[in-house]
Amino acid sequence: MYAGNVNTTESFRTCMRWDAETPHKPRADIVDPNNHPDGDIHHNHCRTLYNVEPWCYTTDTDERWEFCNIQECSKYIVFRVAHPL
């Protein structure tokens, strides 16, 4: 689930705020705060709602929504452990 702050699409369109209704009126379930990982819809960050890759509604009147270009994290996790000296 993506909860970062990228707010542009893969073609560099600006994402529309989730709490906005223009230029596109979002579906009610999409803007329900319970469906957002942080419960916050007062931003325009890309989100992975309903297990779909990160996307957002756009501010472009000709393009309702678009996927976002989010770099995947490494599959390896590095732990830094302090040496108990």
C-alpha atoms as a PDB file:
ATOM      1  CA  MET A   1       0.000   0.000   0.000  1.00  0.00           C
ATOM      2  CA  TYR A   2       1.451   3.342  -1.026  1.00  0.00           C
ATOM      3  CA  ALA A   3       1.174   6.197   1.480  1.00  0.00           C
ATOM      4  CA  GLY A   4       3.968   8.488   0.287  1.00  0.00           C
ATOM      5  CA  ASN A   5       3.823  12.033  -1.039  1.00  0.00           C
ATOM      6  CA  VAL A   6       4.296  11.681  -4.821  1.00  0.00           C
ATOM      7  CA  ASN A   7       1.628  13.869  -6.428  1.00  0.00           C
ATOM      8  CA  THR A   8       2.227  13.600 -10.175  1.00  0.00           C
ATOM      9  CA  THR A   9       1.206  10.899 -12.626  1.00  0.00           C
ATOM     10  CA  GLU A  10       3.377   8.839 -14.937  1.00  0.00           C
ATOM     11  CA  SER A  11       2.858  11.459 -17.664  1.00  0.00           C
ATOM     12  CA  PHE A  12       3.631  14.309 -15.227  1.00  0.00           C
ATOM     13  CA  ARG A  13       0.070  15.495 -14.718  1.00  0.00           C
ATOM     14  CA  THR A  14      -0.651  17.046 -11.326  1.00  0.00           C
ATOM     15  CA  CYS A  15      -2.856  14.973  -9.046  1.00  0.00           C
ATOM     16  CA  MET A  16      -6.149  16.440  -7.902  1.00  0.00           C
ATOM     17  CA  ARG A  17      -6.800  16.713  -4.176  1.00  0.00           C
ATOM     18  CA  TRP A  18      -8.865  13.777  -2.919  1.00  0.00           C
ATOM     19  CA  ASP A  19     -11.297  16.156  -1.196  1.00  0.00           C
ATOM     20  CA  ALA A  20     -11.871  18.222  -4.383  1.00  0.00           C
ATOM     21  CA  GLU A  21     -14.760  17.821  -6.784  1.00  0.00           C
ATOM     22  CA  THR A  22     -13.321  19.659  -9.775  1.00  0.00           C
ATOM     23  CA  PRO A  23     -12.313  19.149 -12.460  1.00  0.00           C
ATOM     24  CA  HIS A  24     -13.532  15.558 -11.804  1.00  0.00           C
ATOM     25  CA  LYS A  25     -16.160  14.407  -9.317  1.00  0.00           C
ATOM     26  CA  PRO A  26     -14.716  11.339  -7.565  1.00  0.00           C
ATOM     27  CA  ARG A  27     -16.765   8.318  -6.513  1.00  0.00           C
ATOM     28  CA  ALA A  28     -17.893   8.541  -2.880  1.00  0.00           C
ATOM     29  CA  ASP A  29     -16.179   5.299  -1.855  1.00  0.00           C
ATOM     30  CA  ILE A  30     -12.897   6.508  -3.341  1.00  0.00           C
ATOM     31  CA  VAL A  31     -12.821   9.640  -1.181  1.00  0.00           C
ATOM     32  CA  ASP A  32     -13.971   7.909   2.012  1.00  0.00           C
ATOM     33  CA  PRO A  33     -11.172   8.550   4.557  1.00  0.00           C
ATOM     34  CA  ASN A  34     -11.566   4.962   5.799  1.00  0.00           C
ATOM     35  CA  ASN A  35     -10.262   3.751   2.442  1.00  0.00           C
ATOM     36  CA  HIS A  36      -7.053   5.806   2.648  1.00  0.00           C
ATOM     37  CA  PRO A  37      -4.010   4.381   4.423  1.00  0.00           C
ATOM     38  CA  ASP A  38      -3.546   7.473   6.570  1.00  0.00           C
ATOM     39  CA  GLY A  39      -7.245   8.382   6.841  1.00  0.00           C
ATOM     40  CA  ASP A  40      -6.457  11.761   5.313  1.00  0.00           C
ATOM     41  CA  ILE A  41      -7.993  12.991   2.056  1.00  0.00           C
ATOM     42  CA  HIS A  42      -6.831  16.614   2.374  1.00  0.00           C
ATOM     43  CA  HIS A  43      -3.917  16.227  -0.071  1.00  0.00           C
ATOM     44  CA  ASN A  44      -3.211  15.224  -3.661  1.00  0.00           C
ATOM     45  CA  HIS A  45      -0.828  12.310  -3.127  1.00  0.00           C
ATOM     46  CA  CYS A  46      -1.044   9.130  -5.188  1.00  0.00           C
ATOM     47  CA  ARG A  47      -2.667   6.182  -3.415  1.00  0.00           C
ATOM     48  CA  THR A  48      -3.118   2.428  -3.870  1.00  0.00           C
ATOM     49  CA  LEU A  49      -6.831   2.163  -3.241  1.00  0.00           C
ATOM     50  CA  TYR A  50      -8.476  -1.252  -3.682  1.00  0.00           C
ATOM     51  CA  ASN A  51      -5.096  -2.937  -4.221  1.00  0.00           C
ATOM     52  CA  VAL A  52      -4.533  -1.174  -7.536  1.00  0.00           C
ATOM     53  CA  GLU A  53      -1.112   0.274  -8.298  1.00  0.00           C
ATOM     54  CA  PRO A  54      -0.695   3.924  -7.180  1.00  0.00           C
ATOM     55  CA  TRP A  55      -2.950   6.352  -9.043  1.00  0.00           C
ATOM     56  CA  CYS A  56      -4.825   9.627  -8.643  1.00  0.00           C
ATOM     57  CA  TYR A  57      -7.464  11.795 -10.251  1.00  0.00           C
ATOM     58  CA  THR A  58      -5.752  14.474 -12.332  1.00  0.00           C
ATOM     59  CA  THR A  59      -6.230  18.227 -12.568  1.00  0.00           C
ATOM     60  CA  ASP A  60      -6.283  17.848 -16.355  1.00  0.00           C
ATOM     61  CA  THR A  61      -9.869  18.239 -17.597  1.00  0.00           C
ATOM     62  CA  ASP A  62      -9.139  15.800 -20.449  1.00  0.00           C
ATOM     63  CA  GLU A  63      -7.755  12.982 -18.281  1.00  0.00           C
ATOM     64  CA  ARG A  64      -9.914  11.815 -15.333  1.00  0.00           C
ATOM     65  CA  TRP A  65      -7.303   9.617 -13.627  1.00  0.00           C
ATOM     66  CA  GLU A  66      -3.903   8.118 -14.260  1.00  0.00           C
ATOM     67  CA  PHE A  67      -1.371   5.800 -12.679  1.00  0.00           C
ATOM     68  CA  CYS A  68       1.581   7.315 -10.846  1.00  0.00           C
ATOM     69  CA  ASN A  69       5.211   6.432 -11.420  1.00  0.00           C
ATOM     70  CA  ILE A  70       6.310   5.210  -7.987  1.00  0.00           C
ATOM     71  CA  GLN A  71       9.715   3.617  -7.589  1.00  0.00           C
ATOM     72  CA  GLU A  72       9.475   0.255  -5.846  1.00  0.00           C
ATOM     73  CA  CYS A  73      11.468  -0.231  -2.691  1.00  0.00           C
ATOM     74  CA  SER A  74      14.182  -2.809  -2.610  1.00  0.00           C
ATOM     75  CA  LYS A  75      13.083  -6.339  -1.780  1.00  0.00           C
ATOM     76  CA  TYR A  76      15.925  -6.512   0.686  1.00  0.00           C
ATOM     77  CA  ILE A  77      15.629  -4.996   4.119  1.00  0.00           C
ATOM     78  CA  VAL A  78      18.753  -3.778   5.827  1.00  0.00           C
ATOM     79  CA  PHE A  79      18.754  -3.614   9.583  1.00  0.00           C
ATOM     80  CA  ARG A  80      21.241  -1.437  11.393  1.00  0.00           C
ATOM     81  CA  VAL A  81      22.012  -2.891  14.774  1.00  0.00           C
ATOM     82  CA  ALA A  82      24.079  -1.082  17.343  1.00  0.00           C
ATOM     83  CA  HIS A  83      27.036  -3.107  18.586  1.00  0.00           C
ATOM     84  CA  PRO A  84      26.618  -3.774  22.317  1.00  0.00           C
ATOM     85  CA  LEU A  85      30.061  -2.598  23.458  1.00  0.00           C
END
